[in-house]
Amino acid sequence: MLQKGSGAPLFSGHGIKDDQGRLYFATRDTRKAANGELRRATAMESGFVQEMMNNSRCKRQVIILDCCFSGAFAAGMGAKDSGTVDIAVQLGGEGRAVLTSSTWT
């Protein structure tokens, strides 16, 4: 479920990757085919959320993802994981912070 109101979007639910490794957020209507392949039209592709963030005029953005494979969200944005977090850079000024509950795998 995507929630807003406190200023930071929050998704807490199921994350699913398709056969190409792209992250989707499951909805109550999300379905898989008999062979287990995700029916992509029944879920929200994380790229849509990234596009909305990129098109926003907000100078500070925080998104919280509590789902399987949530680390794949940042991978889709071309982010590199250096293994460290500079809190002042990530949260202290203008920019974007993405908090995920799991890795991309």
PDB file of N, CA and C in Angstrom:
ATOM      1  N   MET A   1       0.837  -1.154   0.000  1.00  0.00           N
ATOM      2  CA  MET A   1       0.000   0.000   0.000  1.00  0.00           C
ATOM      3  C   MET A   1       0.891   1.229   0.000  1.00  0.00           C
ATOM      4  N   LEU A   2       0.669   2.138  -0.944  1.00  0.00           N
ATOM      5  CA  LEU A   2       1.389   3.401  -0.958  1.00  0.00           C
ATOM      6  C   LEU A   2       0.642   4.363  -0.057  1.00  0.00           C
ATOM      7  N   GLN A   3       1.345   4.971   0.860  1.00  0.00           N
ATOM      8  CA  GLN A   3       0.726   5.906   1.790  1.00  0.00           C
ATOM      9  C   GLN A   3       1.413   7.244   1.678  1.00  0.00           C
ATOM     10  N   LYS A   4       0.644   8.305   1.859  1.00  0.00           N
ATOM     11  CA  LYS A   4       1.253   9.611   1.938  1.00  0.00           C
ATOM     12  C   LYS A   4       0.464  10.447   2.918  1.00  0.00           C
ATOM     13  N   GLY A   5       0.971  11.575   3.248  1.00  0.00           N
ATOM     14  CA  GLY A   5       0.317  12.429   4.219  1.00  0.00           C
ATOM     15  C   GLY A   5       1.320  12.972   5.210  1.00  0.00           C
ATOM     16  N   SER A   6       2.320  12.172   5.549  1.00  0.00           N
ATOM     17  CA  SER A   6       3.359  12.631   6.466  1.00  0.00           C
ATOM     18  C   SER A   6       4.507  13.286   5.704  1.00  0.00           C
ATOM     19  N   GLY A   7       4.409  13.342   4.401  1.00  0.00           N
ATOM     20  CA  GLY A   7       5.467  13.937   3.602  1.00  0.00           C
ATOM     21  C   GLY A   7       6.360  12.917   2.921  1.00  0.00           C
ATOM     22  N   ALA A   8       6.421  11.695   3.429  1.00  0.00           N
ATOM     23  CA  ALA A   8       7.266  10.672   2.829  1.00  0.00           C
ATOM     24  C   ALA A   8       6.400   9.515   2.349  1.00  0.00           C
ATOM     25  N   PRO A   9       6.481   9.173   1.049  1.00  0.00           N
ATOM     26  CA  PRO A   9       5.742   8.010   0.572  1.00  0.00           C
ATOM     27  C   PRO A   9       6.282   6.741   1.231  1.00  0.00           C
ATOM     28  N   LEU A  10       5.380   5.855   1.558  1.00  0.00           N
ATOM     29  CA  LEU A  10       5.739   4.583   2.183  1.00  0.00           C
ATOM     30  C   LEU A  10       5.013   3.477   1.445  1.00  0.00           C
ATOM     31  N   PHE A  11       5.771   2.448   1.051  1.00  0.00           N
ATOM     32  CA  PHE A  11       5.145   1.251   0.500  1.00  0.00           C
ATOM     33  C   PHE A  11       5.500   0.102   1.414  1.00  0.00           C
ATOM     34  N   SER A  12       4.481  -0.550   1.936  1.00  0.00           N
ATOM     35  CA  SER A  12       4.660  -1.742   2.750  1.00  0.00           C
ATOM     36  C   SER A  12       3.780  -2.814   2.140  1.00  0.00           C
ATOM     37  N   GLY A  13       4.388  -3.814   1.564  1.00  0.00           N
ATOM     38  CA  GLY A  13       3.625  -4.853   0.880  1.00  0.00           C
ATOM     39  C   GLY A  13       4.572  -5.839   0.232  1.00  0.00           C
ATOM     40  N   HIS A  14       4.169  -6.357  -0.912  1.00  0.00           N
ATOM     41  CA  HIS A  14       4.969  -7.358  -1.610  1.00  0.00           C
ATOM     42  C   HIS A  14       5.666  -6.739  -2.809  1.00  0.00           C
ATOM     43  N   GLY A  15       6.954  -7.012  -2.904  1.00  0.00           N
ATOM     44  CA  GLY A  15       7.724  -6.634  -4.075  1.00  0.00           C
ATOM     45  C   GLY A  15       7.979  -7.885  -4.902  1.00  0.00           C
ATOM     46  N   ILE A  16       7.850  -7.745  -6.213  1.00  0.00           N
ATOM     47  CA  ILE A  16       8.018  -8.882  -7.127  1.00  0.00           C
ATOM     48  C   ILE A  16       8.932  -8.430  -8.258  1.00  0.00           C
ATOM     49  N   LYS A  17       9.856  -9.304  -8.662  1.00  0.00           N
ATOM     50  CA  LYS A  17      10.679  -8.996  -9.820  1.00  0.00           C
ATOM     51  C   LYS A  17      10.200  -9.832 -11.000  1.00  0.00           C
ATOM     52  N   ASP A  18      10.243  -9.214 -12.193  1.00  0.00           N
ATOM     53  CA  ASP A  18       9.874  -9.970 -13.385  1.00  0.00           C
ATOM     54  C   ASP A  18      11.080 -10.761 -13.877  1.00  0.00           C
ATOM     55  N   ASP A  19      10.935 -11.458 -14.988  1.00  0.00           N
ATOM     56  CA  ASP A  19      12.007 -12.310 -15.485  1.00  0.00           C
ATOM     57  C   ASP A  19      13.233 -11.520 -15.946  1.00  0.00           C
ATOM     58  N   GLN A  20      13.103 -10.201 -16.081  1.00  0.00           N
ATOM     59  CA  GLN A  20      14.230  -9.358 -16.453  1.00  0.00           C
ATOM     60  C   GLN A  20      14.822  -8.631 -15.251  1.00  0.00           C
ATOM     61  N   GLY A  21      14.311  -8.928 -14.052  1.00  0.00           N
ATOM     62  CA  GLY A  21      14.860  -8.346 -12.834  1.00  0.00           C
ATOM     63  C   GLY A  21      14.301  -6.993 -12.442  1.00  0.00           C
ATOM     64  N   ARG A  22      13.274  -6.519 -13.151  1.00  0.00           N
ATOM     65  CA  ARG A  22      12.667  -5.236 -12.802  1.00  0.00           C
ATOM     66  C   ARG A  22      11.717  -5.415 -11.626  1.00  0.00           C
ATOM     67  N   LEU A  23      11.722  -4.420 -10.727  1.00  0.00           N
ATOM     68  CA  LEU A  23      10.907  -4.467  -9.520  1.00  0.00           C
ATOM     69  C   LEU A  23       9.498  -3.964  -9.788  1.00  0.00           C
ATOM     70  N   TYR A  24       8.525  -4.697  -9.247  1.00  0.00           N
ATOM     71  CA  TYR A  24       7.115  -4.296  -9.300  1.00  0.00           C
ATOM     72  C   TYR A  24       6.555  -4.317  -7.887  1.00  0.00           C
ATOM     73  N   PHE A  25       5.634  -3.406  -7.608  1.00  0.00           N
ATOM     74  CA  PHE A  25       4.929  -3.404  -6.340  1.00  0.00           C
ATOM     75  C   PHE A  25       3.598  -4.104  -6.550  1.00  0.00           C
ATOM     76  N   ALA A  26       3.344  -5.138  -5.746  1.00  0.00           N
ATOM     77  CA  ALA A  26       2.120  -5.926  -5.887  1.00  0.00           C
ATOM     78  C   ALA A  26       0.922  -5.136  -5.364  1.00  0.00           C
ATOM     79  N   THR A  27      -0.195  -5.330  -6.033  1.00  0.00           N
ATOM     80  CA  THR A  27      -1.469  -4.770  -5.597  1.00  0.00           C
ATOM     81  C   THR A  27      -2.386  -5.927  -5.250  1.00  0.00           C
ATOM     82  N   ARG A  28      -3.561  -5.621  -4.784  1.00  0.00           N
ATOM     83  CA  ARG A  28      -4.492  -6.715  -4.470  1.00  0.00           C
ATOM     84  C   ARG A  28      -4.897  -7.479  -5.724  1.00  0.00           C
ATOM     85  N   ASP A  29      -4.709  -6.882  -6.914  1.00  0.00           N
ATOM     86  CA  ASP A  29      -5.069  -7.533  -8.176  1.00  0.00           C
ATOM     87  C   ASP A  29      -3.893  -8.186  -8.891  1.00  0.00           C
ATOM     88  N   THR A  30      -2.710  -8.162  -8.299  1.00  0.00           N
ATOM     89  CA  THR A  30      -1.527  -8.726  -8.952  1.00  0.00           C
ATOM     90  C   THR A  30      -1.683 -10.231  -9.127  1.00  0.00           C
ATOM     91  N   ARG A  31      -1.354 -10.696 -10.309  1.00  0.00           N
ATOM     92  CA  ARG A  31      -1.499 -12.112 -10.649  1.00  0.00           C
ATOM     93  C   ARG A  31      -0.252 -12.612 -11.363  1.00  0.00           C
ATOM     94  N   LYS A  32      -0.054 -13.917 -11.278  1.00  0.00           N
ATOM     95  CA  LYS A  32       0.996 -14.595 -12.031  1.00  0.00           C
ATOM     96  C   LYS A  32       0.337 -15.583 -12.971  1.00  0.00           C
ATOM     97  N   ALA A  33       0.985 -15.838 -14.094  1.00  0.00           N
ATOM     98  CA  ALA A  33       0.502 -16.823 -15.063  1.00  0.00           C
ATOM     99  C   ALA A  33       0.735 -18.219 -14.494  1.00  0.00           C
ATOM    100  N   ALA A  34       0.170 -19.216 -15.136  1.00  0.00           N
ATOM    101  CA  ALA A  34       0.297 -20.598 -14.681  1.00  0.00           C
ATOM    102  C   ALA A  34       1.760 -21.033 -14.579  1.00  0.00           C
ATOM    103  N   ASN A  35       2.620 -20.473 -15.430  1.00  0.00           N
ATOM    104  CA  ASN A  35       4.040 -20.828 -15.403  1.00  0.00           C
ATOM    105  C   ASN A  35       4.819 -20.037 -14.346  1.00  0.00           C
ATOM    106  N   GLY A  36       4.121 -19.200 -13.561  1.00  0.00           N
ATOM    107  CA  GLY A  36       4.756 -18.434 -12.494  1.00  0.00           C
ATOM    108  C   GLY A  36       5.247 -17.061 -12.911  1.00  0.00           C
ATOM    109  N   GLU A  37       5.109 -16.740 -14.196  1.00  0.00           N
ATOM    110  CA  GLU A  37       5.567 -15.441 -14.689  1.00  0.00           C
ATOM    111  C   GLU A  37       4.584 -14.345 -14.269  1.00  0.00           C
ATOM    112  N   LEU A  38       5.128 -13.229 -13.828  1.00  0.00           N
ATOM    113  CA  LEU A  38       4.318 -12.096 -13.393  1.00  0.00           C
ATOM    114  C   LEU A  38       3.521 -11.521 -14.548  1.00  0.00           C
ATOM    115  N   ARG A  39       2.241 -11.295 -14.327  1.00  0.00           N
ATOM    116  CA  ARG A  39       1.422 -10.561 -15.303  1.00  0.00           C
ATOM    117  C   ARG A  39       1.615  -9.087 -14.972  1.00  0.00           C
ATOM    118  N   ARG A  40       2.554  -8.465 -15.702  1.00  0.00           N
ATOM    119  CA  ARG A  40       3.035  -7.132 -15.362  1.00  0.00           C
ATOM    120  C   ARG A  40       1.938  -6.078 -15.309  1.00  0.00           C
ATOM    121  N   ALA A  41       0.892  -6.215 -16.079  1.00  0.00           N
ATOM    122  CA  ALA A  41      -0.180  -5.221 -16.084  1.00  0.00           C
ATOM    123  C   ALA A  41      -0.962  -5.213 -14.778  1.00  0.00           C
ATOM    124  N   THR A  42      -0.761  -6.227 -13.934  1.00  0.00           N
ATOM    125  CA  THR A  42      -1.508  -6.301 -12.672  1.00  0.00           C
ATOM    126  C   THR A  42      -0.727  -5.744 -11.489  1.00  0.00           C
ATOM    127  N   ALA A  43       0.459  -5.198 -11.722  1.00  0.00           N
ATOM    128  CA  ALA A  43       1.298  -4.654 -10.652  1.00  0.00           C
ATOM    129  C   ALA A  43       1.820  -3.287 -11.089  1.00  0.00           C
ATOM    130  N   MET A  44       2.374  -2.526 -10.139  1.00  0.00           N
ATOM    131  CA  MET A  44       2.925  -1.200 -10.451  1.00  0.00           C
ATOM    132  C   MET A  44       4.435  -1.310 -10.592  1.00  0.00           C
ATOM    133  N   GLU A  45       4.940  -0.986 -11.760  1.00  0.00           N
ATOM    134  CA  GLU A  45       6.379  -1.030 -11.990  1.00  0.00           C
ATOM    135  C   GLU A  45       7.053   0.092 -11.203  1.00  0.00           C
ATOM    136  N   SER A  46       8.161  -0.226 -10.553  1.00  0.00           N
ATOM    137  CA  SER A  46       8.859   0.779  -9.747  1.00  0.00           C
ATOM    138  C   SER A  46       9.347   1.942 -10.607  1.00  0.00           C
ATOM    139  N   GLY A  47       9.561   1.692 -11.878  1.00  0.00           N
ATOM    140  CA  GLY A  47       9.969   2.757 -12.790  1.00  0.00           C
ATOM    141  C   GLY A  47       8.949   3.878 -12.865  1.00  0.00           C
ATOM    142  N   PHE A  48       7.671   3.549 -12.675  1.00  0.00           N
ATOM    143  CA  PHE A  48       6.621   4.574 -12.670  1.00  0.00           C
ATOM    144  C   PHE A  48       6.822   5.514 -11.484  1.00  0.00           C
ATOM    145  N   VAL A  49       7.123   4.952 -10.323  1.00  0.00           N
ATOM    146  CA  VAL A  49       7.358   5.762  -9.128  1.00  0.00           C
ATOM    147  C   VAL A  49       8.605   6.621  -9.333  1.00  0.00           C
ATOM    148  N   GLN A  50       9.660   6.045  -9.909  1.00  0.00           N
ATOM    149  CA  GLN A  50      10.880   6.800 -10.191  1.00  0.00           C
ATOM    150  C   GLN A  50      10.585   7.959 -11.147  1.00  0.00           C
ATOM    151  N   GLU A  51       9.774   7.711 -12.152  1.00  0.00           N
ATOM    152  CA  GLU A  51       9.413   8.754 -13.111  1.00  0.00           C
ATOM    153  C   GLU A  51       8.672   9.895 -12.415  1.00  0.00           C
ATOM    154  N   MET A  52       7.743   9.564 -11.522  1.00  0.00           N
ATOM    155  CA  MET A  52       7.006  10.590 -10.785  1.00  0.00           C
ATOM    156  C   MET A  52       7.958  11.397  -9.898  1.00  0.00           C
ATOM    157  N   MET A  53       8.924  10.727  -9.286  1.00  0.00           N
ATOM    158  CA  MET A  53       9.911  11.428  -8.465  1.00  0.00           C
ATOM    159  C   MET A  53      10.765  12.357  -9.328  1.00  0.00           C
ATOM    160  N   ASN A  54      11.171  11.881 -10.488  1.00  0.00           N
ATOM    161  CA  ASN A  54      12.000  12.690 -11.382  1.00  0.00           C
ATOM    162  C   ASN A  54      11.247  13.907 -11.922  1.00  0.00           C
ATOM    163  N   ASN A  55       9.943  13.776 -12.097  1.00  0.00           N
ATOM    164  CA  ASN A  55       9.132  14.864 -12.630  1.00  0.00           C
ATOM    165  C   ASN A  55       8.632  15.819 -11.550  1.00  0.00           C
ATOM    166  N   SER A  56       8.873  15.495 -10.306  1.00  0.00           N
ATOM    167  CA  SER A  56       8.427  16.339  -9.192  1.00  0.00           C
ATOM    168  C   SER A  56       9.323  17.563  -9.056  1.00  0.00           C
ATOM    169  N   ARG A  57       8.738  18.653  -8.627  1.00  0.00           N
ATOM    170  CA  ARG A  57       9.520  19.866  -8.375  1.00  0.00           C
ATOM    171  C   ARG A  57      10.087  19.889  -6.957  1.00  0.00           C
ATOM    172  N   CYS A  58       9.776  18.877  -6.152  1.00  0.00           N
ATOM    173  CA  CYS A  58      10.292  18.821  -4.778  1.00  0.00           C
ATOM    174  C   CYS A  58      11.815  18.722  -4.792  1.00  0.00           C
ATOM    175  N   LYS A  59      12.442  19.476  -3.924  1.00  0.00           N
ATOM    176  CA  LYS A  59      13.897  19.455  -3.835  1.00  0.00           C
ATOM    177  C   LYS A  59      14.384  18.399  -2.859  1.00  0.00           C
ATOM    178  N   ARG A  60      13.521  17.958  -1.957  1.00  0.00           N
ATOM    179  CA  ARG A  60      13.866  16.918  -0.989  1.00  0.00           C
ATOM    180  C   ARG A  60      12.830  15.805  -1.093  1.00  0.00           C
ATOM    181  N   GLN A  61      13.304  14.606  -1.313  1.00  0.00           N
ATOM    182  CA  GLN A  61      12.413  13.463  -1.446  1.00  0.00           C
ATOM    183  C   GLN A  61      12.928  12.317  -0.590  1.00  0.00           C
ATOM    184  N   VAL A  62      12.014  11.688   0.133  1.00  0.00           N
ATOM    185  CA  VAL A  62      12.318  10.491   0.911  1.00  0.00           C
ATOM    186  C   VAL A  62      11.254   9.464   0.562  1.00  0.00           C
ATOM    187  N   ILE A  63      11.699   8.270   0.219  1.00  0.00           N
ATOM    188  CA  ILE A  63      10.753   7.183  -0.044  1.00  0.00           C
ATOM    189  C   ILE A  63      11.194   5.987   0.791  1.00  0.00           C
ATOM    190  N   ILE A  64      10.217   5.332   1.415  1.00  0.00           N
ATOM    191  CA  ILE A  64      10.479   4.179   2.272  1.00  0.00           C
ATOM    192  C   ILE A  64       9.791   2.970   1.652  1.00  0.00           C
ATOM    193  N   LEU A  65      10.571   1.921   1.387  1.00  0.00           N
ATOM    194  CA  LEU A  65      10.042   0.711   0.762  1.00  0.00           C
ATOM    195  C   LEU A  65      10.261  -0.471   1.695  1.00  0.00           C
ATOM    196  N   ASP A  66       9.177  -1.046   2.153  1.00  0.00           N
ATOM    197  CA  ASP A  66       9.217  -2.200   3.046  1.00  0.00           C
ATOM    198  C   ASP A  66       8.638  -3.391   2.294  1.00  0.00           C
ATOM    199  N   CYS A  67       9.472  -3.981   1.427  1.00  0.00           N
ATOM    200  CA  CYS A  67       9.005  -5.116   0.632  1.00  0.00           C
ATOM    201  C   CYS A  67      10.199  -5.923   0.149  1.00  0.00           C
ATOM    202  N   CYS A  68       9.938  -7.149  -0.261  1.00  0.00           N
ATOM    203  CA  CYS A  68      10.980  -7.985  -0.842  1.00  0.00           C
ATOM    204  C   CYS A  68      11.568  -7.292  -2.059  1.00  0.00           C
ATOM    205  N   PHE A  69      12.862  -7.452  -2.260  1.00  0.00           N
ATOM    206  CA  PHE A  69      13.589  -6.924  -3.412  1.00  0.00           C
ATOM    207  C   PHE A  69      13.608  -5.394  -3.476  1.00  0.00           C
ATOM    208  N   SER A  70      13.269  -4.700  -2.368  1.00  0.00           N
ATOM    209  CA  SER A  70      13.173  -3.244  -2.405  1.00  0.00           C
ATOM    210  C   SER A  70      14.483  -2.575  -2.809  1.00  0.00           C
ATOM    211  N   GLY A  71      15.600  -3.234  -2.574  1.00  0.00           N
ATOM    212  CA  GLY A  71      16.880  -2.678  -2.992  1.00  0.00           C
ATOM    213  C   GLY A  71      17.004  -2.533  -4.494  1.00  0.00           C
ATOM    214  N   ALA A  72      16.185  -3.240  -5.255  1.00  0.00           N
ATOM    215  CA  ALA A  72      16.195  -3.126  -6.716  1.00  0.00           C
ATOM    216  C   ALA A  72      15.662  -1.774  -7.172  1.00  0.00           C
ATOM    217  N   PHE A  73      14.939  -1.060  -6.309  1.00  0.00           N
ATOM    218  CA  PHE A  73      14.413   0.257  -6.670  1.00  0.00           C
ATOM    219  C   PHE A  73      15.563   1.204  -6.988  1.00  0.00           C
ATOM    220  N   ALA A  74      16.542   1.280  -6.113  1.00  0.00           N
ATOM    221  CA  ALA A  74      17.684   2.165  -6.330  1.00  0.00           C
ATOM    222  C   ALA A  74      18.526   1.698  -7.515  1.00  0.00           C
ATOM    223  N   ALA A  75      18.601   0.390  -7.734  1.00  0.00           N
ATOM    224  CA  ALA A  75      19.369  -0.125  -8.870  1.00  0.00           C
ATOM    225  C   ALA A  75      18.783   0.391 -10.176  1.00  0.00           C
ATOM    226  N   GLY A  76      17.468   0.524 -10.239  1.00  0.00           N
ATOM    227  CA  GLY A  76      16.805   1.047 -11.428  1.00  0.00           C
ATOM    228  C   GLY A  76      17.067   2.518 -11.657  1.00  0.00           C
ATOM    229  N   MET A  77      17.582   3.204 -10.635  1.00  0.00           N
ATOM    230  CA  MET A  77      17.877   4.622 -10.751  1.00  0.00           C
ATOM    231  C   MET A  77      19.340   4.859 -11.098  1.00  0.00           C
ATOM    232  N   GLY A  78      20.089   3.789 -11.283  1.00  0.00           N
ATOM    233  CA  GLY A  78      21.494   3.910 -11.623  1.00  0.00           C
ATOM    234  C   GLY A  78      22.374   4.193 -10.417  1.00  0.00           C
ATOM    235  N   ALA A  79      21.859   3.977  -9.219  1.00  0.00           N
ATOM    236  CA  ALA A  79      22.634   4.235  -8.007  1.00  0.00           C
ATOM    237  C   ALA A  79      23.657   3.132  -7.802  1.00  0.00           C
ATOM    238  N   LYS A  80      24.778   3.486  -7.221  1.00  0.00           N
ATOM    239  CA  LYS A  80      25.817   2.520  -6.891  1.00  0.00           C
ATOM    240  C   LYS A  80      25.916   2.418  -5.381  1.00  0.00           C
ATOM    241  N   ASP A  81      26.060   1.219  -4.876  1.00  0.00           N
ATOM    242  CA  ASP A  81      26.188   1.003  -3.442  1.00  0.00           C
ATOM    243  C   ASP A  81      27.657   0.956  -3.085  1.00  0.00           C
ATOM    244  N   SER A  82      28.109   1.962  -2.336  1.00  0.00           N
ATOM    245  CA  SER A  82      29.509   2.013  -1.926  1.00  0.00           C
ATOM    246  C   SER A  82      29.736   1.289  -0.613  1.00  0.00           C
ATOM    247  N   GLY A  83      28.645   0.872   0.050  1.00  0.00           N
ATOM    248  CA  GLY A  83      28.759   0.202   1.328  1.00  0.00           C
ATOM    249  C   GLY A  83      28.754   1.153   2.504  1.00  0.00           C
ATOM    250  N   THR A  84      28.738   2.459   2.239  1.00  0.00           N
ATOM    251  CA  THR A  84      28.691   3.450   3.308  1.00  0.00           C
ATOM    252  C   THR A  84      27.539   4.420   3.056  1.00  0.00           C
ATOM    253  N   VAL A  85      27.110   5.090   4.109  1.00  0.00           N
ATOM    254  CA  VAL A  85      26.050   6.082   3.997  1.00  0.00           C
ATOM    255  C   VAL A  85      26.523   7.366   4.655  1.00  0.00           C
ATOM    256  N   ASP A  86      26.508   8.453   3.912  1.00  0.00           N
ATOM    257  CA  ASP A  86      26.837   9.768   4.458  1.00  0.00           C
ATOM    258  C   ASP A  86      25.508  10.430   4.823  1.00  0.00           C
ATOM    259  N   ILE A  87      25.157  10.363   6.113  1.00  0.00           N
ATOM    260  CA  ILE A  87      23.857  10.848   6.571  1.00  0.00           C
ATOM    261  C   ILE A  87      23.651  12.316   6.233  1.00  0.00           C
ATOM    262  N   ALA A  88      24.678  13.148   6.392  1.00  0.00           N
ATOM    263  CA  ALA A  88      24.541  14.574   6.101  1.00  0.00           C
ATOM    264  C   ALA A  88      24.192  14.798   4.635  1.00  0.00           C
ATOM    265  N   VAL A  89      24.829  14.045   3.759  1.00  0.00           N
ATOM    266  CA  VAL A  89      24.541  14.175   2.334  1.00  0.00           C
ATOM    267  C   VAL A  89      23.168  13.593   2.012  1.00  0.00           C
ATOM    268  N   GLN A  90      22.858  12.421   2.577  1.00  0.00           N
ATOM    269  CA  GLN A  90      21.618  11.748   2.247  1.00  0.00           C
ATOM    270  C   GLN A  90      20.381  12.462   2.790  1.00  0.00           C
ATOM    271  N   LEU A  91      20.455  12.991   3.986  1.00  0.00           N
ATOM    272  CA  LEU A  91      19.253  13.535   4.621  1.00  0.00           C
ATOM    273  C   LEU A  91      19.357  15.006   5.001  1.00  0.00           C
ATOM    274  N   GLY A  92      20.534  15.603   4.926  1.00  0.00           N
ATOM    275  CA  GLY A  92      20.711  16.945   5.446  1.00  0.00           C
ATOM    276  C   GLY A  92      20.406  18.068   4.487  1.00  0.00           C
ATOM    277  N   GLY A  93      20.322  17.813   3.222  1.00  0.00           N
ATOM    278  CA  GLY A  93      20.129  18.901   2.275  1.00  0.00           C
ATOM    279  C   GLY A  93      19.198  18.514   1.165  1.00  0.00           C
ATOM    280  N   GLU A  94      19.388  19.184   0.042  1.00  0.00           N
ATOM    281  CA  GLU A  94      18.536  18.893  -1.104  1.00  0.00           C
ATOM    282  C   GLU A  94      18.913  17.549  -1.699  1.00  0.00           C
ATOM    283  N   GLY A  95      17.927  16.849  -2.194  1.00  0.00           N
ATOM    284  CA  GLY A  95      18.189  15.583  -2.851  1.00  0.00           C
ATOM    285  C   GLY A  95      17.162  14.532  -2.515  1.00  0.00           C
ATOM    286  N   ARG A  96      17.568  13.302  -2.672  1.00  0.00           N
ATOM    287  CA  ARG A  96      16.662  12.170  -2.548  1.00  0.00           C
ATOM    288  C   ARG A  96      17.277  11.120  -1.647  1.00  0.00           C
ATOM    289  N   ALA A  97      16.453  10.571  -0.749  1.00  0.00           N
ATOM    290  CA  ALA A  97      16.876   9.448   0.088  1.00  0.00           C
ATOM    291  C   ALA A  97      15.884   8.309  -0.116  1.00  0.00           C
ATOM    292  N   VAL A  98      16.402   7.129  -0.378  1.00  0.00           N
ATOM    293  CA  VAL A  98      15.570   5.940  -0.562  1.00  0.00           C
ATOM    294  C   VAL A  98      15.974   4.943   0.518  1.00  0.00           C
ATOM    295  N   LEU A  99      15.030   4.592   1.400  1.00  0.00           N
ATOM    296  CA  LEU A  99      15.278   3.636   2.471  1.00  0.00           C
ATOM    297  C   LEU A  99      14.593   2.334   2.100  1.00  0.00           C
ATOM    298  N   THR A 100      15.364   1.248   2.060  1.00  0.00           N
ATOM    299  CA  THR A 100      14.798  -0.035   1.660  1.00  0.00           C
ATOM    300  C   THR A 100      14.997  -1.059   2.774  1.00  0.00           C
ATOM    301  N   SER A 101      14.090  -2.030   2.832  1.00  0.00           N
ATOM    302  CA  SER A 101      14.142  -3.041   3.893  1.00  0.00           C
ATOM    303  C   SER A 101      14.899  -4.294   3.460  1.00  0.00           C
ATOM    304  N   SER A 102      15.286  -4.368   2.189  1.00  0.00           N
ATOM    305  CA  SER A 102      15.998  -5.556   1.720  1.00  0.00           C
ATOM    306  C   SER A 102      16.909  -5.193   0.568  1.00  0.00           C
ATOM    307  N   THR A 103      17.734  -6.137   0.176  1.00  0.00           N
ATOM    308  CA  THR A 103      18.620  -5.932  -0.978  1.00  0.00           C
ATOM    309  C   THR A 103      17.838  -6.202  -2.265  1.00  0.00           C
ATOM    310  N   TRP A 104      18.505  -6.050  -3.390  1.00  0.00           N
ATOM    311  CA  TRP A 104      17.838  -6.307  -4.664  1.00  0.00           C
ATOM    312  C   TRP A 104      17.659  -7.797  -4.926  1.00  0.00           C
ATOM    313  N   THR A 105      18.349  -8.646  -4.151  1.00  0.00           N
ATOM    314  CA  THR A 105      18.197 -10.085  -4.345  1.00  0.00           C
ATOM    315  C   THR A 105      17.322 -10.668  -3.275  1.00  0.00           C
TER     316      THR A 105
END
